[in-house]
Amino acid sequence: MGDNERLGDVQEMSAIEIGVYEAVASMDVDGRAATVREIARMVRLPEETVWNGLEALTRGGRLLRRGDAYVLGPHDWGLDY
């Protein structure tokens, strides 16, 4: 199964997953990986909730884990933040 097949439709993402993804994307634009603590502060959610969103996004191939932080997974679009 290829990466694009795993991703599925963006409409399948929950509001929490979208917020978490956008937080990671905003840091990725600056070349930085995002930690759970940073993301929780950005989206104003408990770290446990953020962790669950990160795990779902990682399993789906939208994010990649880099040590204790996260970056965007493969994608074919640009970001403008």
N, C-alpha and C. Protein backbone atom coordinates (compact mmCIF):
# COMPACT_ATOMS: atom_id res chain seq x y z
N MET A 1 0.85 -1.17 0.00
CA MET A 1 0.00 0.00 0.00
C MET A 1 0.90 1.24 0.00
N GLY A 2 0.68 2.16 -0.89
CA GLY A 2 1.47 3.39 -0.97
C GLY A 2 1.02 4.41 0.04
N ASP A 3 1.86 5.44 0.22
CA ASP A 3 1.55 6.49 1.20
C ASP A 3 0.22 7.16 0.91
N ASN A 4 -0.07 7.47 -0.35
CA ASN A 4 -1.31 8.16 -0.68
C ASN A 4 -2.53 7.31 -0.38
N GLU A 5 -2.41 6.00 -0.50
CA GLU A 5 -3.54 5.12 -0.19
C GLU A 5 -3.82 5.12 1.31
N ARG A 6 -2.79 5.22 2.12
CA ARG A 6 -2.96 5.22 3.57
C ARG A 6 -3.62 6.49 4.05
N LEU A 7 -3.33 7.60 3.41
CA LEU A 7 -3.79 8.89 3.90
C LEU A 7 -5.30 9.02 3.91
N GLY A 8 -5.97 8.52 2.91
CA GLY A 8 -7.41 8.68 2.86
C GLY A 8 -7.81 10.11 2.64
N ASP A 9 -9.06 10.39 2.79
CA ASP A 9 -9.63 11.71 2.54
C ASP A 9 -9.42 12.59 3.77
N VAL A 10 -9.01 13.82 3.54
CA VAL A 10 -8.79 14.76 4.64
C VAL A 10 -10.09 14.99 5.42
N GLN A 11 -11.23 14.80 4.79
CA GLN A 11 -12.51 14.98 5.48
C GLN A 11 -12.74 13.92 6.55
N GLU A 12 -11.92 12.88 6.55
CA GLU A 12 -12.03 11.84 7.57
C GLU A 12 -11.31 12.24 8.86
N MET A 13 -10.55 13.33 8.83
CA MET A 13 -9.82 13.78 10.01
C MET A 13 -10.78 14.48 10.98
N SER A 14 -10.57 14.26 12.28
CA SER A 14 -11.37 14.93 13.29
C SER A 14 -10.89 16.38 13.43
N ALA A 15 -11.67 17.19 14.10
CA ALA A 15 -11.28 18.59 14.33
C ALA A 15 -9.98 18.65 15.14
N ILE A 16 -9.82 17.75 16.08
CA ILE A 16 -8.59 17.70 16.87
C ILE A 16 -7.41 17.36 15.98
N GLU A 17 -7.55 16.34 15.13
CA GLU A 17 -6.47 15.95 14.23
C GLU A 17 -6.10 17.09 13.28
N ILE A 18 -7.08 17.82 12.79
CA ILE A 18 -6.79 18.95 11.90
C ILE A 18 -6.01 20.02 12.65
N GLY A 19 -6.43 20.35 13.87
CA GLY A 19 -5.71 21.35 14.66
C GLY A 19 -4.29 20.94 14.96
N VAL A 20 -4.10 19.68 15.33
CA VAL A 20 -2.77 19.16 15.62
C VAL A 20 -1.91 19.18 14.36
N TYR A 21 -2.48 18.74 13.25
CA TYR A 21 -1.75 18.73 11.98
C TYR A 21 -1.31 20.15 11.59
N GLU A 22 -2.21 21.10 11.72
CA GLU A 22 -1.89 22.48 11.37
C GLU A 22 -0.79 23.05 12.28
N ALA A 23 -0.80 22.68 13.56
CA ALA A 23 0.25 23.13 14.47
C ALA A 23 1.61 22.57 14.03
N VAL A 24 1.65 21.29 13.71
CA VAL A 24 2.90 20.67 13.24
C VAL A 24 3.33 21.33 11.93
N ALA A 25 2.38 21.56 11.03
CA ALA A 25 2.70 22.17 9.73
C ALA A 25 3.28 23.57 9.91
N SER A 26 2.74 24.35 10.84
CA SER A 26 3.23 25.71 11.04
C SER A 26 4.67 25.71 11.53
N MET A 27 5.04 24.74 12.34
CA MET A 27 6.42 24.65 12.81
C MET A 27 7.33 24.06 11.74
N ASP A 28 6.78 23.16 10.93
CA ASP A 28 7.55 22.53 9.86
C ASP A 28 7.99 23.57 8.83
N VAL A 29 7.16 24.59 8.61
CA VAL A 29 7.50 25.66 7.67
C VAL A 29 8.82 26.31 8.09
N ASP A 30 9.04 26.41 9.40
CA ASP A 30 10.27 27.00 9.93
C ASP A 30 11.39 25.97 10.06
N GLY A 31 11.14 24.74 9.57
CA GLY A 31 12.15 23.69 9.65
C GLY A 31 12.29 23.08 11.02
N ARG A 32 11.28 23.23 11.86
CA ARG A 32 11.31 22.71 13.22
C ARG A 32 10.36 21.54 13.38
N ALA A 33 10.76 20.58 14.18
CA ALA A 33 9.87 19.50 14.58
C ALA A 33 9.07 19.98 15.80
N ALA A 34 7.87 19.46 15.98
CA ALA A 34 6.97 19.91 17.04
C ALA A 34 6.85 18.85 18.13
N THR A 35 6.99 19.28 19.38
CA THR A 35 6.82 18.36 20.51
C THR A 35 5.36 18.39 20.97
N VAL A 36 4.99 17.38 21.72
CA VAL A 36 3.63 17.30 22.26
C VAL A 36 3.33 18.55 23.09
N ARG A 37 4.26 18.97 23.92
CA ARG A 37 4.04 20.14 24.78
C ARG A 37 3.81 21.40 23.95
N GLU A 38 4.61 21.61 22.91
CA GLU A 38 4.44 22.79 22.05
C GLU A 38 3.09 22.77 21.34
N ILE A 39 2.73 21.60 20.83
CA ILE A 39 1.46 21.49 20.11
C ILE A 39 0.29 21.74 21.06
N ALA A 40 0.35 21.14 22.26
CA ALA A 40 -0.72 21.32 23.24
C ALA A 40 -0.91 22.80 23.57
N ARG A 41 0.19 23.51 23.70
CA ARG A 41 0.11 24.95 23.99
C ARG A 41 -0.51 25.70 22.81
N MET A 42 -0.13 25.33 21.58
CA MET A 42 -0.64 26.01 20.39
C MET A 42 -2.14 25.78 20.19
N VAL A 43 -2.60 24.55 20.41
CA VAL A 43 -4.00 24.21 20.13
C VAL A 43 -4.88 24.30 21.38
N ARG A 44 -4.24 24.58 22.52
CA ARG A 44 -4.96 24.73 23.79
C ARG A 44 -5.78 23.49 24.15
N LEU A 45 -5.10 22.36 24.07
CA LEU A 45 -5.71 21.08 24.44
C LEU A 45 -4.77 20.35 25.41
N PRO A 46 -5.30 19.44 26.21
CA PRO A 46 -4.45 18.64 27.10
C PRO A 46 -3.46 17.79 26.28
N GLU A 47 -2.29 17.56 26.86
CA GLU A 47 -1.27 16.78 26.16
C GLU A 47 -1.77 15.38 25.78
N GLU A 48 -2.58 14.76 26.62
CA GLU A 48 -3.11 13.43 26.30
C GLU A 48 -3.97 13.46 25.04
N THR A 49 -4.78 14.48 24.89
CA THR A 49 -5.62 14.63 23.70
C THR A 49 -4.74 14.84 22.47
N VAL A 50 -3.73 15.68 22.61
CA VAL A 50 -2.79 15.93 21.51
C VAL A 50 -2.07 14.64 21.14
N TRP A 51 -1.62 13.91 22.15
CA TRP A 51 -0.92 12.63 21.92
C TRP A 51 -1.79 11.68 21.09
N ASN A 52 -3.06 11.57 21.45
CA ASN A 52 -3.97 10.69 20.70
C ASN A 52 -4.09 11.14 19.24
N GLY A 53 -4.20 12.45 19.02
CA GLY A 53 -4.26 12.98 17.66
C GLY A 53 -2.99 12.69 16.89
N LEU A 54 -1.85 12.87 17.54
CA LEU A 54 -0.56 12.60 16.90
C LEU A 54 -0.42 11.14 16.51
N GLU A 55 -0.84 10.27 17.39
CA GLU A 55 -0.76 8.83 17.10
C GLU A 55 -1.62 8.47 15.88
N ALA A 56 -2.84 9.00 15.83
CA ALA A 56 -3.72 8.72 14.69
C ALA A 56 -3.12 9.26 13.40
N LEU A 57 -2.57 10.47 13.45
CA LEU A 57 -1.98 11.08 12.26
C LEU A 57 -0.72 10.35 11.82
N THR A 58 0.04 9.83 12.78
CA THR A 58 1.25 9.07 12.46
C THR A 58 0.88 7.72 11.84
N ARG A 59 -0.10 7.04 12.42
CA ARG A 59 -0.55 5.76 11.86
C ARG A 59 -1.07 5.94 10.44
N GLY A 60 -1.72 7.05 10.18
CA GLY A 60 -2.26 7.32 8.86
C GLY A 60 -1.24 7.83 7.85
N GLY A 61 -0.01 8.08 8.30
CA GLY A 61 1.04 8.53 7.39
C GLY A 61 1.09 10.03 7.18
N ARG A 62 0.26 10.79 7.87
CA ARG A 62 0.26 12.25 7.68
C ARG A 62 1.41 12.92 8.42
N LEU A 63 1.86 12.31 9.53
CA LEU A 63 2.99 12.83 10.30
C LEU A 63 4.03 11.74 10.48
N LEU A 64 5.27 12.16 10.72
CA LEU A 64 6.36 11.24 11.02
C LEU A 64 6.94 11.62 12.37
N ARG A 65 7.30 10.61 13.14
CA ARG A 65 7.90 10.86 14.45
C ARG A 65 9.41 10.97 14.28
N ARG A 66 9.99 11.98 14.90
CA ARG A 66 11.44 12.21 14.91
C ARG A 66 11.87 12.34 16.36
N GLY A 67 12.23 11.22 16.96
CA GLY A 67 12.57 11.22 18.39
C GLY A 67 11.33 11.53 19.20
N ASP A 68 11.38 12.61 19.96
CA ASP A 68 10.25 13.03 20.79
C ASP A 68 9.39 14.09 20.11
N ALA A 69 9.59 14.30 18.82
CA ALA A 69 8.87 15.35 18.10
C ALA A 69 8.28 14.80 16.80
N TYR A 70 7.52 15.66 16.11
CA TYR A 70 6.81 15.25 14.91
C TYR A 70 7.03 16.25 13.78
N VAL A 71 7.05 15.73 12.55
CA VAL A 71 7.16 16.54 11.34
C VAL A 71 6.11 16.04 10.35
N LEU A 72 5.89 16.81 9.29
CA LEU A 72 4.94 16.39 8.27
C LEU A 72 5.43 15.13 7.56
N GLY A 73 4.48 14.28 7.21
CA GLY A 73 4.78 13.12 6.39
C GLY A 73 4.83 13.53 4.93
N PRO A 74 5.01 12.58 4.04
CA PRO A 74 5.06 12.88 2.61
C PRO A 74 3.77 13.57 2.14
N HIS A 75 3.93 14.58 1.31
CA HIS A 75 2.79 15.28 0.73
C HIS A 75 3.24 15.96 -0.56
N ASP A 76 2.30 16.32 -1.40
CA ASP A 76 2.65 16.92 -2.68
C ASP A 76 2.05 18.32 -2.85
N TRP A 77 1.98 19.05 -1.76
CA TRP A 77 1.44 20.41 -1.81
C TRP A 77 2.34 21.31 -0.97
N GLY A 78 2.26 22.59 -1.22
CA GLY A 78 3.07 23.56 -0.48
C GLY A 78 2.26 24.18 0.64
N LEU A 79 2.95 24.81 1.55
CA LEU A 79 2.31 25.50 2.67
C LEU A 79 2.62 26.98 2.59
N ASP A 80 1.67 27.78 2.97
CA ASP A 80 1.86 29.22 2.98
C ASP A 80 1.36 29.77 4.31
N TYR A 81 2.26 29.84 5.31
CA TYR A 81 1.89 30.35 6.63
C TYR A 81 2.58 31.68 6.85
